[in-house]
Amino acid sequence: MRIDLNSDLGESLGAWTMGDDAAMLSIVSSANVACGFHAGDAAGILQTLRAAAARGVAVGAHVAYPDLAGFGRRNMDVASADLQADVIYQIGALQGLAKVAGTRVRYVKPHGALYNTIAHDRPQAGDVIAAIRAIDPTLVLVALAGAPLVNWAREAGLTVVSEAFADRAYTPEGTLVSRREKGAVLHDAQAVAARMLRLAREGVVEAIDGSSVRVQADSICVHGDSPGAVAMAREVRAVLEQAGVAVQAFAA
């Protein structure tokens, strides 16, 4: 058995530090690197890319709505042409920085509100899919496991990797519990690691109401901005590997 472990990195901005990229890059197999729209500045992004290249960690473009103030977590009604151009712009910018850093962008994982919206909203999903196909149709799209987006993107010819979240609670329907609700974000590293081992072995996670929900995923995300993120990611990886589950990037 094998599974990918990813984290959102490159999100520091100027004097504002977000997460511990260096530590996370020693743990994860894939790095979702901010592209400047929800977080990240050019120098910091380049530093993260260089560190990822040195560690042999796969790099993906963490594209978002243009929402620095809201950290990309606010829903936005963006015109189709604007959304497509925004996604192309972000991927292209990261591709340029990645080339200088000695690596390349292998996949795209939308961030925050954009990620959640396109999981079920066909018009905006179509715009993101069209943008990826326009700039590089070989890029893999990372999408929420079980969401309609998975099939929409595959029907459009994209390779899709389904993703589960280590540090987020699930509803009985297999969707993420809103961050506005109590218990939406999980903090117990050992409990989270046990959940992810069950996911890797059985394709099942415990929902917030205690029921079991099927989640078929090839990648696990640990949010880099969560408190104790490094310790949690380290525990998840350790538990997986001790059980014989190899942590390996999905994108070579």
C-alpha atoms as a PDB file:
ATOM      1  CA  MET A   1       0.000   0.000   0.000  1.00  0.00           C
ATOM      2  CA  ARG A   2       1.073   3.557  -0.651  1.00  0.00           C
ATOM      3  CA  ILE A   3      -0.395   7.026  -0.338  1.00  0.00           C
ATOM      4  CA  ASP A   4       0.659  10.631  -0.916  1.00  0.00           C
ATOM      5  CA  LEU A   5       0.986  13.119   1.946  1.00  0.00           C
ATOM      6  CA  ASN A   6       0.643  16.787   1.015  1.00  0.00           C
ATOM      7  CA  SER A   7       0.583  20.174   2.720  1.00  0.00           C
ATOM      8  CA  ASP A   8      -0.157  23.798   1.781  1.00  0.00           C
ATOM      9  CA  LEU A   9       3.126  25.713   1.795  1.00  0.00           C
ATOM     10  CA  GLY A  10       4.685  28.972   0.583  1.00  0.00           C
ATOM     11  CA  GLU A  11       1.995  30.967   2.378  1.00  0.00           C
ATOM     12  CA  SER A  12       4.166  33.448   4.289  1.00  0.00           C
ATOM     13  CA  LEU A  13       3.764  37.046   3.138  1.00  0.00           C
ATOM     14  CA  GLY A  14       6.328  39.750   3.857  1.00  0.00           C
ATOM     15  CA  ALA A  15       6.838  39.994   7.627  1.00  0.00           C
ATOM     16  CA  TRP A  16       3.924  37.605   8.215  1.00  0.00           C
ATOM     17  CA  THR A  17       5.103  34.013   8.717  1.00  0.00           C
ATOM     18  CA  MET A  18       2.682  31.173   8.069  1.00  0.00           C
ATOM     19  CA  GLY A  19       3.613  27.624   8.997  1.00  0.00           C
ATOM     20  CA  ASP A  20       7.016  25.942   9.007  1.00  0.00           C
ATOM     21  CA  ASP A  21       7.798  25.040   5.405  1.00  0.00           C
ATOM     22  CA  ALA A  22      11.265  23.656   6.089  1.00  0.00           C
ATOM     23  CA  ALA A  23       9.960  21.204   8.682  1.00  0.00           C
ATOM     24  CA  MET A  24       6.949  20.158   6.623  1.00  0.00           C
ATOM     25  CA  LEU A  25       9.109  19.508   3.566  1.00  0.00           C
ATOM     26  CA  SER A  26      11.034  16.933   5.578  1.00  0.00           C
ATOM     27  CA  ILE A  27       7.772  15.021   6.112  1.00  0.00           C
ATOM     28  CA  VAL A  28       5.427  15.386   3.130  1.00  0.00           C
ATOM     29  CA  SER A  29       5.790  13.919  -0.357  1.00  0.00           C
ATOM     30  CA  SER A  30       3.953  16.744  -2.170  1.00  0.00           C
ATOM     31  CA  ALA A  31       3.857  20.508  -1.599  1.00  0.00           C
ATOM     32  CA  ASN A  32       0.897  22.660  -2.634  1.00  0.00           C
ATOM     33  CA  VAL A  33       2.669  25.979  -3.125  1.00  0.00           C
ATOM     34  CA  ALA A  34       0.784  29.271  -2.907  1.00  0.00           C
ATOM     35  CA  CYS A  35       0.791  31.409  -6.037  1.00  0.00           C
ATOM     36  CA  GLY A  36       0.357  34.880  -4.537  1.00  0.00           C
ATOM     37  CA  PHE A  37      -3.419  35.243  -4.802  1.00  0.00           C
ATOM     38  CA  HIS A  38      -4.450  34.060  -1.321  1.00  0.00           C
ATOM     39  CA  ALA A  39      -0.986  34.132   0.282  1.00  0.00           C
ATOM     40  CA  GLY A  40       2.727  34.108  -0.469  1.00  0.00           C
ATOM     41  CA  ASP A  41       5.209  36.571  -1.903  1.00  0.00           C
ATOM     42  CA  ALA A  42       7.591  35.902  -4.775  1.00  0.00           C
ATOM     43  CA  ALA A  43      10.772  35.623  -2.699  1.00  0.00           C
ATOM     44  CA  GLY A  44       9.172  33.337  -0.136  1.00  0.00           C
ATOM     45  CA  ILE A  45       7.559  31.148  -2.785  1.00  0.00           C
ATOM     46  CA  LEU A  46      10.902  30.774  -4.546  1.00  0.00           C
ATOM     47  CA  GLN A  47      12.578  29.816  -1.264  1.00  0.00           C
ATOM     48  CA  THR A  48       9.927  27.140  -0.643  1.00  0.00           C
ATOM     49  CA  LEU A  49      10.325  25.806  -4.180  1.00  0.00           C
ATOM     50  CA  ARG A  50      14.089  25.548  -3.778  1.00  0.00           C
ATOM     51  CA  ALA A  51      13.642  23.689  -0.506  1.00  0.00           C
ATOM     52  CA  ALA A  52      11.135  21.334  -2.117  1.00  0.00           C
ATOM     53  CA  ALA A  53      13.541  20.652  -4.974  1.00  0.00           C
ATOM     54  CA  ALA A  54      16.353  19.901  -2.530  1.00  0.00           C
ATOM     55  CA  ARG A  55      14.111  17.447  -0.662  1.00  0.00           C
ATOM     56  CA  GLY A  56      12.764  15.774  -3.786  1.00  0.00           C
ATOM     57  CA  VAL A  57       9.211  16.807  -2.884  1.00  0.00           C
ATOM     58  CA  ALA A  58       6.720  17.089  -5.766  1.00  0.00           C
ATOM     59  CA  VAL A  59       5.344  20.597  -6.369  1.00  0.00           C
ATOM     60  CA  GLY A  60       1.798  21.656  -7.194  1.00  0.00           C
ATOM     61  CA  ALA A  61       0.190  25.046  -7.869  1.00  0.00           C
ATOM     62  CA  HIS A  62      -2.133  26.033  -5.013  1.00  0.00           C
ATOM     63  CA  VAL A  63      -4.344  28.381  -7.024  1.00  0.00           C
ATOM     64  CA  ALA A  64      -6.997  30.541  -5.367  1.00  0.00           C
ATOM     65  CA  TYR A  65      -9.431  33.403  -5.671  1.00  0.00           C
ATOM     66  CA  PRO A  66      -7.732  36.853  -5.553  1.00  0.00           C
ATOM     67  CA  ASP A  67      -8.326  37.219  -1.804  1.00  0.00           C
ATOM     68  CA  LEU A  68      -5.267  38.077   0.275  1.00  0.00           C
ATOM     69  CA  ALA A  69      -7.307  39.702   3.040  1.00  0.00           C
ATOM     70  CA  GLY A  70      -9.517  36.658   3.446  1.00  0.00           C
ATOM     71  CA  PHE A  71      -6.767  34.061   2.916  1.00  0.00           C
ATOM     72  CA  GLY A  72      -8.745  32.736  -0.022  1.00  0.00           C
ATOM     73  CA  ARG A  73     -11.478  31.384   2.218  1.00  0.00           C
ATOM     74  CA  ARG A  74     -14.270  33.715   1.071  1.00  0.00           C
ATOM     75  CA  ASN A  75     -16.621  32.669  -1.718  1.00  0.00           C
ATOM     76  CA  MET A  76     -16.378  34.880  -4.804  1.00  0.00           C
ATOM     77  CA  ASP A  77     -18.624  35.268  -7.838  1.00  0.00           C
ATOM     78  CA  VAL A  78     -15.917  35.619 -10.497  1.00  0.00           C
ATOM     79  CA  ALA A  79     -16.679  36.094 -14.186  1.00  0.00           C
ATOM     80  CA  SER A  80     -15.751  33.065 -16.275  1.00  0.00           C
ATOM     81  CA  ALA A  81     -13.075  34.829 -18.317  1.00  0.00           C
ATOM     82  CA  ASP A  82     -11.533  36.297 -15.178  1.00  0.00           C
ATOM     83  CA  LEU A  83     -11.427  33.002 -13.310  1.00  0.00           C
ATOM     84  CA  GLN A  84      -9.826  31.172 -16.217  1.00  0.00           C
ATOM     85  CA  ALA A  85      -7.225  33.911 -16.657  1.00  0.00           C
ATOM     86  CA  ASP A  86      -6.540  34.038 -12.899  1.00  0.00           C
ATOM     87  CA  VAL A  87      -5.837  30.306 -12.766  1.00  0.00           C
ATOM     88  CA  ILE A  88      -3.640  30.414 -15.875  1.00  0.00           C
ATOM     89  CA  TYR A  89      -1.745  33.392 -14.439  1.00  0.00           C
ATOM     90  CA  GLN A  90      -1.059  31.659 -11.130  1.00  0.00           C
ATOM     91  CA  ILE A  91       0.087  28.398 -12.696  1.00  0.00           C
ATOM     92  CA  GLY A  92       2.311  30.259 -15.137  1.00  0.00           C
ATOM     93  CA  ALA A  93       3.899  32.330 -12.385  1.00  0.00           C
ATOM     94  CA  LEU A  94       4.665  29.256 -10.322  1.00  0.00           C
ATOM     95  CA  GLN A  95       6.035  27.434 -13.357  1.00  0.00           C
ATOM     96  CA  GLY A  96       8.521  30.247 -13.904  1.00  0.00           C
ATOM     97  CA  LEU A  97       9.666  30.276 -10.296  1.00  0.00           C
ATOM     98  CA  ALA A  98       9.832  26.479 -10.212  1.00  0.00           C
ATOM     99  CA  LYS A  99      12.111  26.420 -13.258  1.00  0.00           C
ATOM    100  CA  VAL A 100      14.533  28.758 -11.527  1.00  0.00           C
ATOM    101  CA  ALA A 101      14.364  26.602  -8.387  1.00  0.00           C
ATOM    102  CA  GLY A 102      15.298  23.475 -10.321  1.00  0.00           C
ATOM    103  CA  THR A 103      11.920  21.772 -10.190  1.00  0.00           C
ATOM    104  CA  ARG A 104       8.617  21.880 -12.061  1.00  0.00           C
ATOM    105  CA  VAL A 105       4.907  22.133 -11.372  1.00  0.00           C
ATOM    106  CA  ARG A 106       3.353  18.679 -11.644  1.00  0.00           C
ATOM    107  CA  TYR A 107      -0.195  19.255 -10.444  1.00  0.00           C
ATOM    108  CA  VAL A 108      -2.827  21.824  -9.471  1.00  0.00           C
ATOM    109  CA  LYS A 109      -4.710  21.893  -6.188  1.00  0.00           C
ATOM    110  CA  PRO A 110      -7.185  24.766  -5.759  1.00  0.00           C
ATOM    111  CA  HIS A 111      -7.234  26.434  -2.355  1.00  0.00           C
ATOM    112  CA  GLY A 112      -9.901  27.229   0.193  1.00  0.00           C
ATOM    113  CA  ALA A 113     -13.171  28.610  -1.095  1.00  0.00           C
ATOM    114  CA  LEU A 114     -12.248  27.912  -4.710  1.00  0.00           C
ATOM    115  CA  TYR A 115     -11.525  24.268  -3.857  1.00  0.00           C
ATOM    116  CA  ASN A 116     -14.846  23.857  -2.059  1.00  0.00           C
ATOM    117  CA  THR A 117     -16.863  25.722  -4.687  1.00  0.00           C
ATOM    118  CA  ILE A 118     -15.625  23.843  -7.741  1.00  0.00           C
ATOM    119  CA  ALA A 119     -16.101  20.509  -5.973  1.00  0.00           C
ATOM    120  CA  HIS A 120     -19.846  20.932  -6.694  1.00  0.00           C
ATOM    121  CA  ASP A 121     -20.317  24.059  -8.851  1.00  0.00           C
ATOM    122  CA  ARG A 122     -20.121  23.042 -12.499  1.00  0.00           C
ATOM    123  CA  PRO A 123     -19.632  26.495 -14.107  1.00  0.00           C
ATOM    124  CA  GLN A 124     -16.622  27.448 -11.964  1.00  0.00           C
ATOM    125  CA  ALA A 125     -15.305  23.885 -12.114  1.00  0.00           C
ATOM    126  CA  GLY A 126     -15.452  24.126 -15.885  1.00  0.00           C
ATOM    127  CA  ASP A 127     -13.441  27.350 -15.801  1.00  0.00           C
ATOM    128  CA  VAL A 128     -10.681  25.814 -13.680  1.00  0.00           C
ATOM    129  CA  ILE A 129     -10.600  22.705 -15.864  1.00  0.00           C
ATOM    130  CA  ALA A 130     -10.438  24.844 -19.014  1.00  0.00           C
ATOM    131  CA  ALA A 131      -7.590  26.905 -17.548  1.00  0.00           C
ATOM    132  CA  ILE A 132      -5.526  23.821 -16.728  1.00  0.00           C
ATOM    133  CA  ARG A 133      -6.142  22.340 -20.165  1.00  0.00           C
ATOM    134  CA  ALA A 134      -5.128  25.643 -21.771  1.00  0.00           C
ATOM    135  CA  ILE A 135      -1.771  26.026 -20.016  1.00  0.00           C
ATOM    136  CA  ASP A 136      -0.756  22.362 -19.582  1.00  0.00           C
ATOM    137  CA  PRO A 137      -3.225  19.468 -19.950  1.00  0.00           C
ATOM    138  CA  THR A 138      -0.677  17.051 -18.466  1.00  0.00           C
ATOM    139  CA  LEU A 139      -1.034  18.674 -15.040  1.00  0.00           C
ATOM    140  CA  VAL A 140      -2.832  16.500 -12.489  1.00  0.00           C
ATOM    141  CA  LEU A 141      -5.837  18.008 -10.699  1.00  0.00           C
ATOM    142  CA  VAL A 142      -6.195  17.293  -6.977  1.00  0.00           C
ATOM    143  CA  ALA A 143      -9.864  17.240  -5.949  1.00  0.00           C
ATOM    144  CA  LEU A 144     -12.027  16.384  -2.967  1.00  0.00           C
ATOM    145  CA  ALA A 145     -12.668  12.646  -2.874  1.00  0.00           C
ATOM    146  CA  GLY A 146     -16.199  11.782  -3.937  1.00  0.00           C
ATOM    147  CA  ALA A 147     -17.008  15.241  -5.315  1.00  0.00           C
ATOM    148  CA  PRO A 148     -18.655  15.673  -8.743  1.00  0.00           C
ATOM    149  CA  LEU A 149     -15.528  17.561  -9.857  1.00  0.00           C
ATOM    150  CA  VAL A 150     -13.604  14.284 -10.008  1.00  0.00           C
ATOM    151  CA  ASN A 151     -15.756  12.944 -12.845  1.00  0.00           C
ATOM    152  CA  TRP A 152     -16.139  16.308 -14.583  1.00  0.00           C
ATOM    153  CA  ALA A 153     -12.366  16.720 -14.815  1.00  0.00           C
ATOM    154  CA  ARG A 154     -11.810  13.150 -15.972  1.00  0.00           C
ATOM    155  CA  GLU A 155     -14.477  13.542 -18.642  1.00  0.00           C
ATOM    156  CA  ALA A 156     -12.544  16.623 -19.851  1.00  0.00           C
ATOM    157  CA  GLY A 157      -9.372  14.555 -20.193  1.00  0.00           C
ATOM    158  CA  LEU A 158      -7.514  15.539 -17.020  1.00  0.00           C
ATOM    159  CA  THR A 159      -5.824  13.112 -14.678  1.00  0.00           C
ATOM    160  CA  VAL A 160      -7.391  13.476 -11.235  1.00  0.00           C
ATOM    161  CA  VAL A 161      -6.127  12.477  -7.788  1.00  0.00           C
ATOM    162  CA  SER A 162      -8.756  12.237  -5.043  1.00  0.00           C
ATOM    163  CA  GLU A 163      -7.825  13.780  -1.715  1.00  0.00           C
ATOM    164  CA  ALA A 164      -8.780  13.332   1.924  1.00  0.00           C
ATOM    165  CA  PHE A 165      -8.070  15.714   4.799  1.00  0.00           C
ATOM    166  CA  ALA A 166      -6.296  14.490   7.912  1.00  0.00           C
ATOM    167  CA  ASP A 167      -7.155  17.448  10.120  1.00  0.00           C
ATOM    168  CA  ARG A 168     -10.763  18.071   9.061  1.00  0.00           C
ATOM    169  CA  ALA A 169     -14.003  16.463  10.235  1.00  0.00           C
ATOM    170  CA  TYR A 170     -16.349  14.826   7.731  1.00  0.00           C
ATOM    171  CA  THR A 171     -20.117  14.852   7.493  1.00  0.00           C
ATOM    172  CA  PRO A 172     -22.016  11.548   7.123  1.00  0.00           C
ATOM    173  CA  GLU A 173     -22.361  12.438   3.431  1.00  0.00           C
ATOM    174  CA  GLY A 174     -18.583  12.497   2.960  1.00  0.00           C
ATOM    175  CA  THR A 175     -18.201  16.273   2.679  1.00  0.00           C
ATOM    176  CA  LEU A 176     -16.059  18.459   4.944  1.00  0.00           C
ATOM    177  CA  VAL A 177     -17.669  19.983   8.008  1.00  0.00           C
ATOM    178  CA  SER A 178     -17.731  23.776   7.652  1.00  0.00           C
ATOM    179  CA  ARG A 179     -14.975  25.586   9.521  1.00  0.00           C
ATOM    180  CA  ARG A 180     -17.741  27.671  11.126  1.00  0.00           C
ATOM    181  CA  GLU A 181     -18.955  24.610  13.038  1.00  0.00           C
ATOM    182  CA  LYS A 182     -17.542  23.261  16.289  1.00  0.00           C
ATOM    183  CA  GLY A 183     -15.240  20.276  15.773  1.00  0.00           C
ATOM    184  CA  ALA A 184     -14.549  21.027  12.115  1.00  0.00           C
ATOM    185  CA  VAL A 185     -10.763  21.122  12.626  1.00  0.00           C
ATOM    186  CA  LEU A 186      -9.063  18.206  14.391  1.00  0.00           C
ATOM    187  CA  HIS A 187      -6.062  18.696  16.671  1.00  0.00           C
ATOM    188  CA  ASP A 188      -5.253  15.330  18.291  1.00  0.00           C
ATOM    189  CA  ALA A 189      -2.264  14.066  16.294  1.00  0.00           C
ATOM    190  CA  GLN A 190      -2.568  10.454  17.434  1.00  0.00           C
ATOM    191  CA  ALA A 191      -6.293  10.287  16.705  1.00  0.00           C
ATOM    192  CA  VAL A 192      -5.765  11.892  13.310  1.00  0.00           C
ATOM    193  CA  ALA A 193      -2.997   9.435  12.455  1.00  0.00           C
ATOM    194  CA  ALA A 194      -5.237   6.500  13.391  1.00  0.00           C
ATOM    195  CA  ARG A 195      -8.010   7.922  11.182  1.00  0.00           C
ATOM    196  CA  MET A 196      -5.648   8.216   8.233  1.00  0.00           C
ATOM    197  CA  LEU A 197      -4.343   4.681   8.689  1.00  0.00           C
ATOM    198  CA  ARG A 198      -7.915   3.416   8.515  1.00  0.00           C
ATOM    199  CA  LEU A 199      -8.458   5.542   5.425  1.00  0.00           C
ATOM    200  CA  ALA A 200      -5.396   4.051   3.727  1.00  0.00           C
ATOM    201  CA  ARG A 201      -6.328   0.488   4.665  1.00  0.00           C
ATOM    202  CA  GLU A 202     -10.114   0.494   4.343  1.00  0.00           C
ATOM    203  CA  GLY A 203     -11.105   3.659   2.466  1.00  0.00           C
ATOM    204  CA  VAL A 204     -13.239   4.696   5.443  1.00  0.00           C
ATOM    205  CA  VAL A 205     -13.208   7.582   7.949  1.00  0.00           C
ATOM    206  CA  GLU A 206     -15.369   8.259  10.980  1.00  0.00           C
ATOM    207  CA  ALA A 207     -17.828  11.109  10.396  1.00  0.00           C
ATOM    208  CA  ILE A 208     -18.530  13.799  12.983  1.00  0.00           C
ATOM    209  CA  ASP A 209     -21.644  11.928  14.160  1.00  0.00           C
ATOM    210  CA  GLY A 210     -19.700   8.708  14.733  1.00  0.00           C
ATOM    211  CA  SER A 211     -20.883   6.941  11.592  1.00  0.00           C
ATOM    212  CA  SER A 212     -18.481   5.501   9.028  1.00  0.00           C
ATOM    213  CA  VAL A 213     -18.234   7.139   5.624  1.00  0.00           C
ATOM    214  CA  ARG A 214     -16.419   5.767   2.583  1.00  0.00           C
ATOM    215  CA  VAL A 215     -13.660   8.065   1.281  1.00  0.00           C
ATOM    216  CA  GLN A 216     -11.491   6.706  -1.525  1.00  0.00           C
ATOM    217  CA  ALA A 217      -8.368   8.875  -1.680  1.00  0.00           C
ATOM    218  CA  ASP A 218      -4.832   8.658  -3.050  1.00  0.00           C
ATOM    219  CA  SER A 219      -3.545  11.725  -1.200  1.00  0.00           C
ATOM    220  CA  ILE A 220      -3.858  13.027   2.354  1.00  0.00           C
ATOM    221  CA  CYS A 221      -3.602  16.721   3.235  1.00  0.00           C
ATOM    222  CA  VAL A 222      -2.342  18.167   6.510  1.00  0.00           C
ATOM    223  CA  HIS A 223      -2.893  21.929   6.532  1.00  0.00           C
ATOM    224  CA  GLY A 224       0.390  23.723   7.088  1.00  0.00           C
ATOM    225  CA  ASP A 225      -1.257  26.676   8.871  1.00  0.00           C
ATOM    226  CA  SER A 226      -2.963  24.575  11.557  1.00  0.00           C
ATOM    227  CA  PRO A 227      -1.592  24.667  15.134  1.00  0.00           C
ATOM    228  CA  GLY A 228       0.696  21.692  15.646  1.00  0.00           C
ATOM    229  CA  ALA A 229       0.695  20.943  11.917  1.00  0.00           C
ATOM    230  CA  VAL A 230       4.281  19.667  11.838  1.00  0.00           C
ATOM    231  CA  ALA A 231       3.763  17.312  14.772  1.00  0.00           C
ATOM    232  CA  MET A 232       0.538  16.052  13.236  1.00  0.00           C
ATOM    233  CA  ALA A 233       2.093  15.429   9.820  1.00  0.00           C
ATOM    234  CA  ARG A 234       5.035  13.658  11.439  1.00  0.00           C
ATOM    235  CA  GLU A 235       2.711  11.409  13.445  1.00  0.00           C
ATOM    236  CA  VAL A 236       0.567  10.597  10.406  1.00  0.00           C
ATOM    237  CA  ARG A 237       3.612   9.616   8.375  1.00  0.00           C
ATOM    238  CA  ALA A 238       5.111   7.571  11.202  1.00  0.00           C
ATOM    239  CA  VAL A 239       1.914   5.610  11.815  1.00  0.00           C
ATOM    240  CA  LEU A 240       1.414   4.936   8.108  1.00  0.00           C
ATOM    241  CA  GLU A 241       4.971   3.732   7.578  1.00  0.00           C
ATOM    242  CA  GLN A 242       4.965   1.600  10.728  1.00  0.00           C
ATOM    243  CA  ALA A 243       1.899  -0.160   9.317  1.00  0.00           C
ATOM    244  CA  GLY A 244       3.617  -0.777   5.995  1.00  0.00           C
ATOM    245  CA  VAL A 245       1.965   2.030   4.027  1.00  0.00           C
ATOM    246  CA  ALA A 246       4.568   3.811   1.885  1.00  0.00           C
ATOM    247  CA  VAL A 247       4.326   7.614   1.694  1.00  0.00           C
ATOM    248  CA  GLN A 248       5.018   8.497  -1.921  1.00  0.00           C
ATOM    249  CA  ALA A 249       4.141  11.367  -4.260  1.00  0.00           C
ATOM    250  CA  PHE A 250       1.482  10.566  -6.856  1.00  0.00           C
ATOM    251  CA  ALA A 251       3.236  12.766  -9.422  1.00  0.00           C
ATOM    252  CA  ALA A 252       6.658  11.566 -10.538  1.00  0.00           C
END
